[in-house]
C-alpha atoms as a PDB file:
ATOM      1  CA  MET A   1      95.699 147.131  58.064  1.00  0.00           C
ATOM      2  CA  TYR A   2      96.754 144.408  60.504  1.00  0.00           C
ATOM      3  CA  LYS A   3      97.251 140.681  60.737  1.00  0.00           C
ATOM      4  CA  VAL A   4      94.548 138.092  61.312  1.00  0.00           C
ATOM      5  CA  TYR A   5      95.746 135.143  63.368  1.00  0.00           C
ATOM      6  CA  ASN A   6      92.614 133.083  63.976  1.00  0.00           C
ATOM      7  CA  GLU A   7      89.562 131.835  62.150  1.00  0.00           C
ATOM      8  CA  THR A   8      87.192 131.601  65.117  1.00  0.00           C
ATOM      9  CA  ILE A   9      85.860 134.046  67.700  1.00  0.00           C
ATOM     10  CA  TYR A  10      86.004 133.328  71.429  1.00  0.00           C
ATOM     11  CA  ASN A  11      82.610 133.439  73.187  1.00  0.00           C
ATOM     12  CA  GLU A  12      81.094 134.015  69.764  1.00  0.00           C
ATOM     13  CA  GLU A  13      77.456 134.213  70.857  1.00  0.00           C
ATOM     14  CA  VAL A  14      78.108 137.233  73.084  1.00  0.00           C
ATOM     15  CA  LYS A  15      80.272 138.998  70.532  1.00  0.00           C
ATOM     16  CA  ASN A  16      77.696 138.420  67.787  1.00  0.00           C
ATOM     17  CA  ARG A  17      75.109 140.122  70.005  1.00  0.00           C
ATOM     18  CA  PHE A  18      77.438 143.102  70.234  1.00  0.00           C
ATOM     19  CA  LEU A  19      78.057 143.108  66.468  1.00  0.00           C
ATOM     20  CA  GLU A  20      74.342 143.217  65.632  1.00  0.00           C
ATOM     21  CA  LYS A  21      74.330 147.019  65.706  1.00  0.00           C
ATOM     22  CA  TYR A  22      77.196 147.308  63.198  1.00  0.00           C
ATOM     23  CA  GLU A  23      77.424 146.585  59.492  1.00  0.00           C
ATOM     24  CA  GLY A  24      79.790 146.931  56.572  1.00  0.00           C
ATOM     25  CA  LYS A  25      83.339 148.147  57.201  1.00  0.00           C
ATOM     26  CA  THR A  26      82.666 148.881  60.871  1.00  0.00           C
ATOM     27  CA  GLU A  27      81.480 145.345  61.553  1.00  0.00           C
ATOM     28  CA  TYR A  28      84.484 144.012  59.629  1.00  0.00           C
ATOM     29  CA  ALA A  29      86.929 146.085  61.733  1.00  0.00           C
ATOM     30  CA  TYR A  30      85.398 144.910  65.013  1.00  0.00           C
ATOM     31  CA  LYS A  31      85.351 141.286  63.885  1.00  0.00           C
ATOM     32  CA  ARG A  32      89.047 141.457  62.949  1.00  0.00           C
ATOM     33  CA  VAL A  33      89.892 142.535  66.496  1.00  0.00           C
ATOM     34  CA  PHE A  34      87.867 139.644  67.939  1.00  0.00           C
ATOM     35  CA  LEU A  35      89.537 137.166  65.595  1.00  0.00           C
ATOM     36  CA  ASN A  36      92.944 138.352  66.759  1.00  0.00           C
ATOM     37  CA  SER A  37      92.084 138.341  70.467  1.00  0.00           C
ATOM     38  CA  ALA A  38      90.700 134.789  70.418  1.00  0.00           C
ATOM     39  CA  ASN A  39      93.979 133.003  71.135  1.00  0.00           C
ATOM     40  CA  ILE A  40      94.739 135.229  74.133  1.00  0.00           C
ATOM     41  CA  GLU A  41      91.197 134.753  75.445  1.00  0.00           C
ATOM     42  CA  GLU A  42      91.590 130.992  75.081  1.00  0.00           C
ATOM     43  CA  VAL A  43      94.849 130.967  77.038  1.00  0.00           C
ATOM     44  CA  LEU A  44      93.475 133.187  79.818  1.00  0.00           C
ATOM     45  CA  GLY A  45      90.114 131.431  79.877  1.00  0.00           C
ATOM     46  CA  LYS A  46      88.056 134.623  79.791  1.00  0.00           C
ATOM     47  CA  ASP A  47      86.447 137.043  77.386  1.00  0.00           C
ATOM     48  CA  LEU A  48      88.114 140.241  76.202  1.00  0.00           C
ATOM     49  CA  TYR A  49      85.541 142.271  78.132  1.00  0.00           C
ATOM     50  CA  ASP A  50      87.029 141.015  81.428  1.00  0.00           C
ATOM     51  CA  PHE A  51      90.664 141.789  80.539  1.00  0.00           C
ATOM     52  CA  SER A  52      92.853 143.966  82.725  1.00  0.00           C
ATOM     53  CA  ILE A  53      94.876 146.787  81.194  1.00  0.00           C
ATOM     54  CA  GLU A  54      97.993 144.578  81.124  1.00  0.00           C
ATOM     55  CA  GLU A  55      96.136 141.782  79.341  1.00  0.00           C
ATOM     56  CA  MET A  56      94.751 144.265  76.809  1.00  0.00           C
ATOM     57  CA  LYS A  57      98.320 145.242  75.949  1.00  0.00           C
ATOM     58  CA  GLN A  58      98.876 141.759  74.509  1.00  0.00           C
ATOM     59  CA  VAL A  59      95.848 142.141  72.244  1.00  0.00           C
ATOM     60  CA  LEU A  60      97.051 145.488  70.895  1.00  0.00           C
ATOM     61  CA  TYR A  61     100.613 144.206  70.458  1.00  0.00           C
ATOM     62  CA  ASN A  62      99.312 141.257  68.450  1.00  0.00           C
ATOM     63  CA  LEU A  63      97.178 143.506  66.247  1.00  0.00           C
ATOM     64  CA  ASP A  64     100.448 145.109  65.112  1.00  0.00           C
ATOM     65  CA  PRO A  65      99.225 148.640  64.234  1.00  0.00           C
ATOM     66  CA  LYS A  66     101.436 150.444  61.735  1.00  0.00           C
ATOM     67  CA  ASN A  67     100.835 153.960  63.050  1.00  0.00           C
ATOM     68  CA  LEU A  68      99.500 155.808  66.078  1.00  0.00           C
ATOM     69  CA  ALA A  69      96.103 156.552  64.525  1.00  0.00           C
ATOM     70  CA  THR A  70      95.499 152.846  63.862  1.00  0.00           C
ATOM     71  CA  SER A  71      96.640 151.968  67.375  1.00  0.00           C
ATOM     72  CA  GLN A  72      94.137 154.437  68.869  1.00  0.00           C
ATOM     73  CA  SER A  73      91.390 153.189  66.565  1.00  0.00           C
ATOM     74  CA  LEU A  74      91.959 149.598  67.688  1.00  0.00           C
ATOM     75  CA  GLY A  75      91.931 150.706  71.311  1.00  0.00           C
ATOM     76  CA  SER A  76      88.630 152.482  70.689  1.00  0.00           C
ATOM     77  CA  ILE A  77      87.129 149.266  69.344  1.00  0.00           C
ATOM     78  CA  VAL A  78      88.126 147.355  72.461  1.00  0.00           C
ATOM     79  CA  LYS A  79      86.892 150.188  74.689  1.00  0.00           C
ATOM     80  CA  ASN A  80      83.487 150.275  72.975  1.00  0.00           C
ATOM     81  CA  TYR A  81      83.089 146.525  73.381  1.00  0.00           C
ATOM     82  CA  ILE A  82      83.900 146.752  77.099  1.00  0.00           C
ATOM     83  CA  ASP A  83      81.492 149.677  77.545  1.00  0.00           C
ATOM     84  CA  TRP A  84      78.761 147.541  75.993  1.00  0.00           C
ATOM     85  CA  ALA A  85      79.679 144.530  78.158  1.00  0.00           C
ATOM     86  CA  ILE A  86      79.466 146.680  81.304  1.00  0.00           C
ATOM     87  CA  LYS A  87      76.039 147.964  80.270  1.00  0.00           C
ATOM     88  CA  GLU A  88      74.848 144.419  79.570  1.00  0.00           C
ATOM     89  CA  GLY A  89      76.217 143.136  82.880  1.00  0.00           C
ATOM     90  CA  TYR A  90      78.887 140.850  81.425  1.00  0.00           C
ATOM     91  CA  ARG A  91      82.018 142.467  82.850  1.00  0.00           C
ATOM     92  CA  LYS A  92      82.740 141.657  86.507  1.00  0.00           C
ATOM     93  CA  SER A  93      83.820 145.257  87.176  1.00  0.00           C
ATOM     94  CA  ASN A  94      81.909 148.334  86.066  1.00  0.00           C
ATOM     95  CA  ILE A  95      85.167 150.173  85.386  1.00  0.00           C
ATOM     96  CA  ASN A  96      86.554 150.265  81.844  1.00  0.00           C
ATOM     97  CA  PRO A  97      90.393 150.191  82.045  1.00  0.00           C
ATOM     98  CA  LEU A  98      90.606 152.103  78.743  1.00  0.00           C
ATOM     99  CA  GLU A  99      88.371 154.951  79.929  1.00  0.00           C
ATOM    100  CA  LYS A 100      91.106 157.501  80.719  1.00  0.00           C
ATOM    101  CA  ILE A 101      94.029 156.366  78.582  1.00  0.00           C
ATOM    102  CA  TYR A 102      96.216 159.071  77.056  1.00  0.00           C
ATOM    103  CA  THR A 103      97.360 159.144  73.446  1.00  0.00           C
ATOM    104  CA  GLU A 104     100.961 158.396  74.452  1.00  0.00           C
ATOM    105  CA  TRP A 105      99.921 155.012  75.848  1.00  0.00           C
ATOM    106  CA  TYR A 106      99.057 153.793  72.353  1.00  0.00           C
ATOM    107  CA  GLU A 107     102.519 154.629  70.985  1.00  0.00           C
ATOM    108  CA  GLN A 108     104.042 151.488  72.554  1.00  0.00           C
ATOM    109  CA  PHE A 109     102.152 149.223  70.137  1.00  0.00           C
ATOM    110  CA  VAL A 110     103.528 150.864  66.991  1.00  0.00           C
ATOM    111  CA  GLY A 111     106.734 149.740  65.312  1.00  0.00           C
ATOM    112  CA  ASP A 112     109.032 146.779  65.931  1.00  0.00           C
ATOM    113  CA  LYS A 113     108.041 144.778  69.006  1.00  0.00           C
ATOM    114  CA  LYS A 114     109.262 141.608  70.637  1.00  0.00           C
ATOM    115  CA  LEU A 115     106.506 139.562  72.233  1.00  0.00           C
ATOM    116  CA  TYR A 116     108.224 136.342  73.289  1.00  0.00           C
ATOM    117  CA  ILE A 117     111.514 135.204  74.836  1.00  0.00           C
ATOM    118  CA  THR A 118     113.927 132.334  74.305  1.00  0.00           C
ATOM    119  CA  GLU A 119     115.125 130.134  77.136  1.00  0.00           C
ATOM    120  CA  ASN A 120     118.523 131.870  77.079  1.00  0.00           C
ATOM    121  CA  GLU A 121     116.758 135.193  77.569  1.00  0.00           C
ATOM    122  CA  LEU A 122     114.763 133.644  80.385  1.00  0.00           C
ATOM    123  CA  VAL A 123     117.990 132.555  82.098  1.00  0.00           C
ATOM    124  CA  HIS A 124     119.332 136.109  81.725  1.00  0.00           C
ATOM    125  CA  ILE A 125     116.178 137.547  83.309  1.00  0.00           C
ATOM    126  CA  GLU A 126     116.396 135.037  86.163  1.00  0.00           C
ATOM    127  CA  GLY A 127     119.917 136.247  86.865  1.00  0.00           C
ATOM    128  CA  LEU A 128     118.690 139.826  87.294  1.00  0.00           C
ATOM    129  CA  CYS A 129     116.029 139.010  89.887  1.00  0.00           C
ATOM    130  CA  ASN A 130     116.623 139.102  93.644  1.00  0.00           C
ATOM    131  CA  ASN A 131     113.454 137.245  94.641  1.00  0.00           C
ATOM    132  CA  TYR A 132     113.111 133.508  94.118  1.00  0.00           C
ATOM    133  CA  GLN A 133     109.369 134.131  94.249  1.00  0.00           C
ATOM    134  CA  ASP A 134     109.803 135.982  90.933  1.00  0.00           C
ATOM    135  CA  ILE A 135     112.408 133.659  89.445  1.00  0.00           C
ATOM    136  CA  ALA A 136     110.404 130.503  90.140  1.00  0.00           C
ATOM    137  CA  LEU A 137     107.197 132.169  88.953  1.00  0.00           C
ATOM    138  CA  ILE A 138     108.576 133.008  85.519  1.00  0.00           C
ATOM    139  CA  ARG A 139     110.253 129.612  85.214  1.00  0.00           C
ATOM    140  CA  ILE A 140     107.163 127.560  86.104  1.00  0.00           C
ATOM    141  CA  LEU A 141     105.003 129.480  83.630  1.00  0.00           C
ATOM    142  CA  PHE A 142     107.622 128.885  80.938  1.00  0.00           C
ATOM    143  CA  GLU A 143     107.698 125.143  81.681  1.00  0.00           C
ATOM    144  CA  GLY A 144     103.956 124.566  81.497  1.00  0.00           C
ATOM    145  CA  ALA A 145     101.971 125.500  84.630  1.00  0.00           C
ATOM    146  CA  GLY A 146      98.951 127.612  83.770  1.00  0.00           C
ATOM    147  CA  GLY A 147      95.213 127.139  83.965  1.00  0.00           C
ATOM    148  CA  LYS A 148      92.459 129.720  84.240  1.00  0.00           C
ATOM    149  CA  SER A 149      93.771 132.833  86.019  1.00  0.00           C
ATOM    150  CA  TRP A 150      97.048 130.899  86.496  1.00  0.00           C
ATOM    151  CA  VAL A 151      95.314 128.671  89.048  1.00  0.00           C
ATOM    152  CA  GLU A 152      97.862 125.848  88.718  1.00  0.00           C
ATOM    153  CA  VAL A 153     100.608 128.246  89.785  1.00  0.00           C
ATOM    154  CA  ARG A 154      98.567 129.747  92.594  1.00  0.00           C
ATOM    155  CA  ASN A 155      97.500 126.348  93.991  1.00  0.00           C
ATOM    156  CA  LEU A 156     101.012 124.869  94.064  1.00  0.00           C
ATOM    157  CA  LYS A 157     101.966 123.790  97.584  1.00  0.00           C
ATOM    158  CA  LYS A 158     105.353 122.913  99.008  1.00  0.00           C
ATOM    159  CA  ASN A 159     104.467 119.225  99.273  1.00  0.00           C
ATOM    160  CA  ASP A 160     103.530 119.218  95.564  1.00  0.00           C
ATOM    161  CA  ILE A 161     107.239 119.380  94.684  1.00  0.00           C
ATOM    162  CA  ILE A 162     108.645 115.891  94.010  1.00  0.00           C
ATOM    163  CA  LYS A 163     112.360 116.600  93.996  1.00  0.00           C
ATOM    164  CA  ASP A 164     113.667 113.101  93.282  1.00  0.00           C
ATOM    165  CA  GLU A 165     111.414 112.819  90.209  1.00  0.00           C
ATOM    166  CA  ASN A 166     111.885 116.375  88.907  1.00  0.00           C
ATOM    167  CA  ALA A 167     108.118 116.719  88.949  1.00  0.00           C
ATOM    168  CA  ILE A 168     105.344 118.817  90.444  1.00  0.00           C
ATOM    169  CA  ILE A 169     101.660 118.134  91.094  1.00  0.00           C
ATOM    170  CA  LEU A 170      99.382 120.822  89.667  1.00  0.00           C
ATOM    171  CA  THR A 171      95.780 121.433  90.728  1.00  0.00           C
ATOM    172  CA  ASP A 172      93.149 123.281  88.712  1.00  0.00           C
ATOM    173  CA  GLU A 173      90.131 125.287  89.890  1.00  0.00           C
ATOM    174  CA  ASN A 174      88.010 122.118  90.112  1.00  0.00           C
ATOM    175  CA  GLY A 175      90.524 120.204  92.207  1.00  0.00           C
ATOM    176  CA  ASN A 176      91.701 118.052  89.288  1.00  0.00           C
ATOM    177  CA  LYS A 177      95.382 117.139  89.555  1.00  0.00           C
ATOM    178  CA  ARG A 178      98.067 116.417  86.998  1.00  0.00           C
ATOM    179  CA  LYS A 179     101.751 115.594  87.195  1.00  0.00           C
ATOM    180  CA  LEU A 180     104.208 117.737  85.249  1.00  0.00           C
ATOM    181  CA  ASN A 181     107.859 116.846  84.769  1.00  0.00           C
ATOM    182  CA  VAL A 182     110.057 119.938  84.901  1.00  0.00           C
ATOM    183  CA  SER A 183     113.760 120.789  84.762  1.00  0.00           C
ATOM    184  CA  THR A 184     116.128 120.467  87.696  1.00  0.00           C
ATOM    185  CA  ARG A 185     116.544 124.229  87.487  1.00  0.00           C
ATOM    186  CA  CYS A 186     112.797 124.695  87.960  1.00  0.00           C
ATOM    187  CA  ILE A 187     112.730 122.340  90.968  1.00  0.00           C
ATOM    188  CA  GLU A 188     115.620 124.182  92.609  1.00  0.00           C
ATOM    189  CA  PHE A 189     113.934 127.556  92.098  1.00  0.00           C
ATOM    190  CA  LEU A 190     110.632 126.283  93.487  1.00  0.00           C
ATOM    191  CA  ILE A 191     112.326 124.949  96.614  1.00  0.00           C
ATOM    192  CA  GLU A 192     114.152 128.243  97.118  1.00  0.00           C
ATOM    193  CA  ALA A 193     110.897 130.158  96.618  1.00  0.00           C
ATOM    194  CA  SER A 194     109.070 127.936  99.104  1.00  0.00           C
ATOM    195  CA  GLU A 195     111.742 128.631 101.732  1.00  0.00           C
ATOM    196  CA  GLU A 196     111.916 132.376 101.123  1.00  0.00           C
ATOM    197  CA  THR A 197     110.673 134.499 104.021  1.00  0.00           C
ATOM    198  CA  LYS A 198     111.188 138.025 102.642  1.00  0.00           C
ATOM    199  CA  TYR A 199     110.168 139.667  99.377  1.00  0.00           C
ATOM    200  CA  PHE A 200     112.386 142.521  98.194  1.00  0.00           C
ATOM    201  CA  LYS A 201     110.358 145.445  96.900  1.00  0.00           C
ATOM    202  CA  LYS A 202     111.254 146.727  93.440  1.00  0.00           C
ATOM    203  CA  ASN A 203     113.875 143.964  93.218  1.00  0.00           C
ATOM    204  CA  ALA A 204     115.658 145.543  96.246  1.00  0.00           C
ATOM    205  CA  GLU A 205     116.266 148.761  94.280  1.00  0.00           C
ATOM    206  CA  MET A 206     114.546 151.196  96.657  1.00  0.00           C
ATOM    207  CA  ASP A 207     115.749 154.794  96.848  1.00  0.00           C
ATOM    208  CA  HIS A 208     114.173 155.767 100.175  1.00  0.00           C
ATOM    209  CA  GLU A 209     116.540 155.108 103.069  1.00  0.00           C
ATOM    210  CA  ARG A 210     113.793 155.281 105.695  1.00  0.00           C
ATOM    211  CA  ILE A 211     111.555 152.747 103.947  1.00  0.00           C
ATOM    212  CA  ARG A 212     112.283 149.073 104.472  1.00  0.00           C
ATOM    213  CA  ASN A 213     113.164 147.533 101.110  1.00  0.00           C
ATOM    214  CA  TYR A 214     111.475 144.213 101.820  1.00  0.00           C
ATOM    215  CA  ALA A 215     108.213 142.787 103.122  1.00  0.00           C
ATOM    216  CA  ASP A 216     107.660 139.582 105.049  1.00  0.00           C
ATOM    217  CA  LEU A 217     106.027 136.818 103.055  1.00  0.00           C
ATOM    218  CA  ALA A 218     102.948 135.105 104.447  1.00  0.00           C
ATOM    219  CA  GLU A 219     103.732 131.848 106.205  1.00  0.00           C
ATOM    220  CA  ASN A 220     101.599 129.073 104.751  1.00  0.00           C
ATOM    221  CA  ASP A 221     101.840 125.847 102.728  1.00  0.00           C
ATOM    222  CA  TYR A 222     101.889 127.483  99.284  1.00  0.00           C
ATOM    223  CA  VAL A 223     105.029 127.972  97.208  1.00  0.00           C
ATOM    224  CA  PHE A 224     103.944 131.377  95.890  1.00  0.00           C
ATOM    225  CA  ARG A 225     102.785 133.597  98.725  1.00  0.00           C
ATOM    226  CA  PRO A 226     101.634 137.177  99.102  1.00  0.00           C
ATOM    227  CA  CYS A 227     103.409 139.623 101.358  1.00  0.00           C
ATOM    228  CA  HIS A 228     102.069 139.631 104.892  1.00  0.00           C
ATOM    229  CA  THR A 229      99.849 142.649 105.571  1.00  0.00           C
ATOM    230  CA  ARG A 230      96.902 143.393 107.802  1.00  0.00           C
ATOM    231  CA  LEU A 231      94.610 143.112 104.790  1.00  0.00           C
ATOM    232  CA  ASN A 232      95.848 139.730 103.521  1.00  0.00           C
ATOM    233  CA  GLU A 233      94.511 136.417 104.724  1.00  0.00           C
ATOM    234  CA  PRO A 234      97.769 134.656 105.739  1.00  0.00           C
ATOM    235  CA  ASN A 235      96.621 131.147 104.783  1.00  0.00           C
ATOM    236  CA  ARG A 236      95.417 132.018 101.289  1.00  0.00           C
ATOM    237  CA  GLU A 237      97.140 131.350  97.997  1.00  0.00           C
ATOM    238  CA  ILE A 238      98.582 134.178  95.926  1.00  0.00           C
ATOM    239  CA  GLN A 239      96.063 136.035  93.742  1.00  0.00           C
ATOM    240  CA  GLN A 240      96.214 136.615  89.994  1.00  0.00           C
ATOM    241  CA  HIS A 241      96.693 140.365  90.334  1.00  0.00           C
ATOM    242  CA  THR A 242      99.823 139.742  92.436  1.00  0.00           C
ATOM    243  CA  ILE A 243     101.237 137.449  89.744  1.00  0.00           C
ATOM    244  CA  ASN A 244     100.571 140.149  87.137  1.00  0.00           C
ATOM    245  CA  ARG A 245     102.166 142.847  89.295  1.00  0.00           C
ATOM    246  CA  ARG A 246     105.300 140.833  90.096  1.00  0.00           C
ATOM    247  CA  ILE A 247     105.964 140.015  86.456  1.00  0.00           C
ATOM    248  CA  ARG A 248     105.227 143.612  85.475  1.00  0.00           C
ATOM    249  CA  GLU A 249     107.951 144.735  87.899  1.00  0.00           C
ATOM    250  CA  VAL A 250     110.362 142.229  86.358  1.00  0.00           C
ATOM    251  CA  SER A 251     109.408 143.617  82.939  1.00  0.00           C
ATOM    252  CA  ASP A 252     110.206 147.117  84.206  1.00  0.00           C
ATOM    253  CA  LEU A 253     113.522 145.810  85.527  1.00  0.00           C
ATOM    254  CA  ILE A 254     114.614 144.684  82.059  1.00  0.00           C
ATOM    255  CA  GLY A 255     113.211 147.831  80.428  1.00  0.00           C
ATOM    256  CA  SER A 256     110.472 146.125  78.456  1.00  0.00           C
ATOM    257  CA  ASP A 257     106.704 146.243  78.057  1.00  0.00           C
ATOM    258  CA  TYR A 258     106.271 142.774  76.556  1.00  0.00           C
ATOM    259  CA  LEU A 259     106.878 140.497  79.538  1.00  0.00           C
ATOM    260  CA  THR A 260     103.555 139.278  80.940  1.00  0.00           C
ATOM    261  CA  PRO A 261     102.406 135.943  82.419  1.00  0.00           C
ATOM    262  CA  ARG A 262     100.840 135.080  79.087  1.00  0.00           C
ATOM    263  CA  SER A 263     103.893 136.015  76.996  1.00  0.00           C
ATOM    264  CA  VAL A 264     106.114 133.871  79.243  1.00  0.00           C
ATOM    265  CA  PHE A 265     103.636 130.978  78.996  1.00  0.00           C
ATOM    266  CA  ILE A 266     103.453 131.206  75.186  1.00  0.00           C
ATOM    267  CA  SER A 267     107.257 131.529  75.037  1.00  0.00           C
ATOM    268  CA  GLY A 268     107.470 128.187  76.828  1.00  0.00           C
ATOM    269  CA  MET A 269     105.086 126.656  74.308  1.00  0.00           C
ATOM    270  CA  ILE A 270     107.251 127.891  71.451  1.00  0.00           C
ATOM    271  CA  LYS A 271     110.378 126.494  73.082  1.00  0.00           C
ATOM    272  CA  TYR A 272     108.698 123.115  73.633  1.00  0.00           C
ATOM    273  CA  ALA A 273     107.482 123.123  70.018  1.00  0.00           C
ATOM    274  CA  LYS A 274     111.068 123.790  68.927  1.00  0.00           C
ATOM    275  CA  ASP A 275     112.274 120.798  70.961  1.00  0.00           C
ATOM    276  CA  LEU A 276     109.605 118.567  69.396  1.00  0.00           C
ATOM    277  CA  LEU A 277     110.494 119.826  65.927  1.00  0.00           C
ATOM    278  CA  ILE A 278     114.132 118.913  66.489  1.00  0.00           C
ATOM    279  CA  GLU A 279     113.144 115.521  67.902  1.00  0.00           C
ATOM    280  CA  THR A 280     110.613 114.477  65.248  1.00  0.00           C
ATOM    281  CA  GLY A 281     111.449 116.694  62.277  1.00  0.00           C
ATOM    282  CA  LYS A 282     107.838 117.846  62.056  1.00  0.00           C
ATOM    283  CA  LEU A 283     105.240 120.001  63.776  1.00  0.00           C
ATOM    284  CA  GLU A 284     101.890 118.392  63.110  1.00  0.00           C
ATOM    285  CA  ARG A 285      98.776 117.245  64.983  1.00  0.00           C
ATOM    286  CA  GLU A 286     100.697 114.755  67.132  1.00  0.00           C
ATOM    287  CA  GLU A 287     103.191 117.393  68.291  1.00  0.00           C
ATOM    288  CA  TYR A 288     100.472 119.957  68.967  1.00  0.00           C
ATOM    289  CA  GLU A 289      98.603 117.438  71.116  1.00  0.00           C
ATOM    290  CA  LYS A 290     101.771 116.999  73.186  1.00  0.00           C
ATOM    291  CA  ILE A 291     102.044 120.774  73.596  1.00  0.00           C
ATOM    292  CA  CYS A 292      98.400 120.959  74.682  1.00  0.00           C
ATOM    293  CA  LYS A 293      98.915 118.170  77.206  1.00  0.00           C
ATOM    294  CA  ARG A 294     102.021 119.729  78.739  1.00  0.00           C
ATOM    295  CA  PHE A 295     100.548 123.235  78.977  1.00  0.00           C
ATOM    296  CA  ASN A 296      97.015 122.092  79.869  1.00  0.00           C
ATOM    297  CA  TYR A 297      95.668 123.819  76.762  1.00  0.00           C
ATOM    298  CA  ASN A 298      92.356 122.873  75.174  1.00  0.00           C
ATOM    299  CA  VAL A 299      93.156 120.289  72.494  1.00  0.00           C
ATOM    300  CA  ASN A 300      90.082 121.422  70.573  1.00  0.00           C
ATOM    301  CA  SER A 301      91.734 124.816  70.097  1.00  0.00           C
ATOM    302  CA  ILE A 302      94.803 123.608  68.218  1.00  0.00           C
ATOM    303  CA  ALA A 303      93.784 125.732  65.220  1.00  0.00           C
ATOM    304  CA  LEU A 304      94.133 128.822  67.414  1.00  0.00           C
ATOM    305  CA  LEU A 305      97.415 127.627  68.867  1.00  0.00           C
ATOM    306  CA  LYS A 306      98.937 127.126  65.415  1.00  0.00           C
ATOM    307  CA  LYS A 307      98.558 130.830  64.676  1.00  0.00           C
ATOM    308  CA  THR A 308     101.074 131.687  67.406  1.00  0.00           C
ATOM    309  CA  VAL A 309     103.099 128.513  67.959  1.00  0.00           C
ATOM    310  CA  ASN A 310     104.445 127.542  64.551  1.00  0.00           C
ATOM    311  CA  ILE A 311     107.638 127.083  62.567  1.00  0.00           C
ATOM    312  CA  GLU A 312     107.711 130.759  61.561  1.00  0.00           C
ATOM    313  CA  THR A 313     107.625 131.885  65.209  1.00  0.00           C
ATOM    314  CA  ILE A 314     110.285 129.317  66.112  1.00  0.00           C
ATOM    315  CA  LYS A 315     112.546 130.690  63.392  1.00  0.00           C
ATOM    316  CA  GLN A 316     111.981 134.257  64.568  1.00  0.00           C
ATOM    317  CA  LEU A 317     113.139 133.345  68.068  1.00  0.00           C
ATOM    318  CA  TYR A 318     115.677 130.581  67.492  1.00  0.00           C
ATOM    319  CA  GLY A 319     116.772 130.996  63.869  1.00  0.00           C
ATOM    320  CA  ASN A 320     117.089 128.014  61.554  1.00  0.00           C
ATOM    321  CA  ILE A 321     117.422 125.197  64.106  1.00  0.00           C
ATOM    322  CA  PHE A 322     118.508 122.732  61.444  1.00  0.00           C
ATOM    323  CA  ASN A 323     121.598 124.702  60.431  1.00  0.00           C
ATOM    324  CA  SER A 324     124.780 122.931  61.470  1.00  0.00           C
END
């Protein structure tokens, strides 16, 4: 019915509790969904039951349903799991994002889909954006900044940019720091983003003449900043939901549903794997450890990573890289 990408289940103890009430084909169907969602859960650092609607899209895309009925059935499985998690007190919110989803919503997951982008496509997208806050955000995810809830991106401050070394200092949720070498292009975008004072709404494509098409950005030490409003704390870092919303608007700009923080992050992993494959002629444990180090990915989860970042995926995006 659909592909299985992983051999382990994320947060297995909790999911096994949920699966206790099922048996036979029903248990098998639920377990297949959990096996497929594991890699996304690992990247995001949270269980499927805490996913937002945008993050759930990636799960359903990856499940690759062949028809609308299958797509709805898979969505029902995820919904039932979240309902159970809410009842058991696992989910942070008591609202199930899939509660009032229409049939049409599930149509987007059926048929040919493109989940990841090449660096050339990234450059094209950058050229369409009017906000350096958006351009730098997509670029830094692609080049390796991540962490739980994208904390390394959110914590980045202006003085963490080391221009003369083409490097940035990234800080995780526990205050641990690491140095990441990035491209000159990335450094330039980060500097521009840090100096930006206005954020153009809807990429400056507003139709209402009486509504100002930009908002003032908060003035603080962070590179990525929220727009200044009465409700925002001006000295705080940007929040995850703002990162999701900004990239969703860029995705709308290019007429696509596939562009998310995670898809950009994984796209960067694939590109880096391609570079290592060209450099060493192989993609084995040593190369995967380098990918994990650059993208701050759990080295113990290489088996999960291989299901998405592999030679087959590289060929799908970049063709046969060894052709002359």
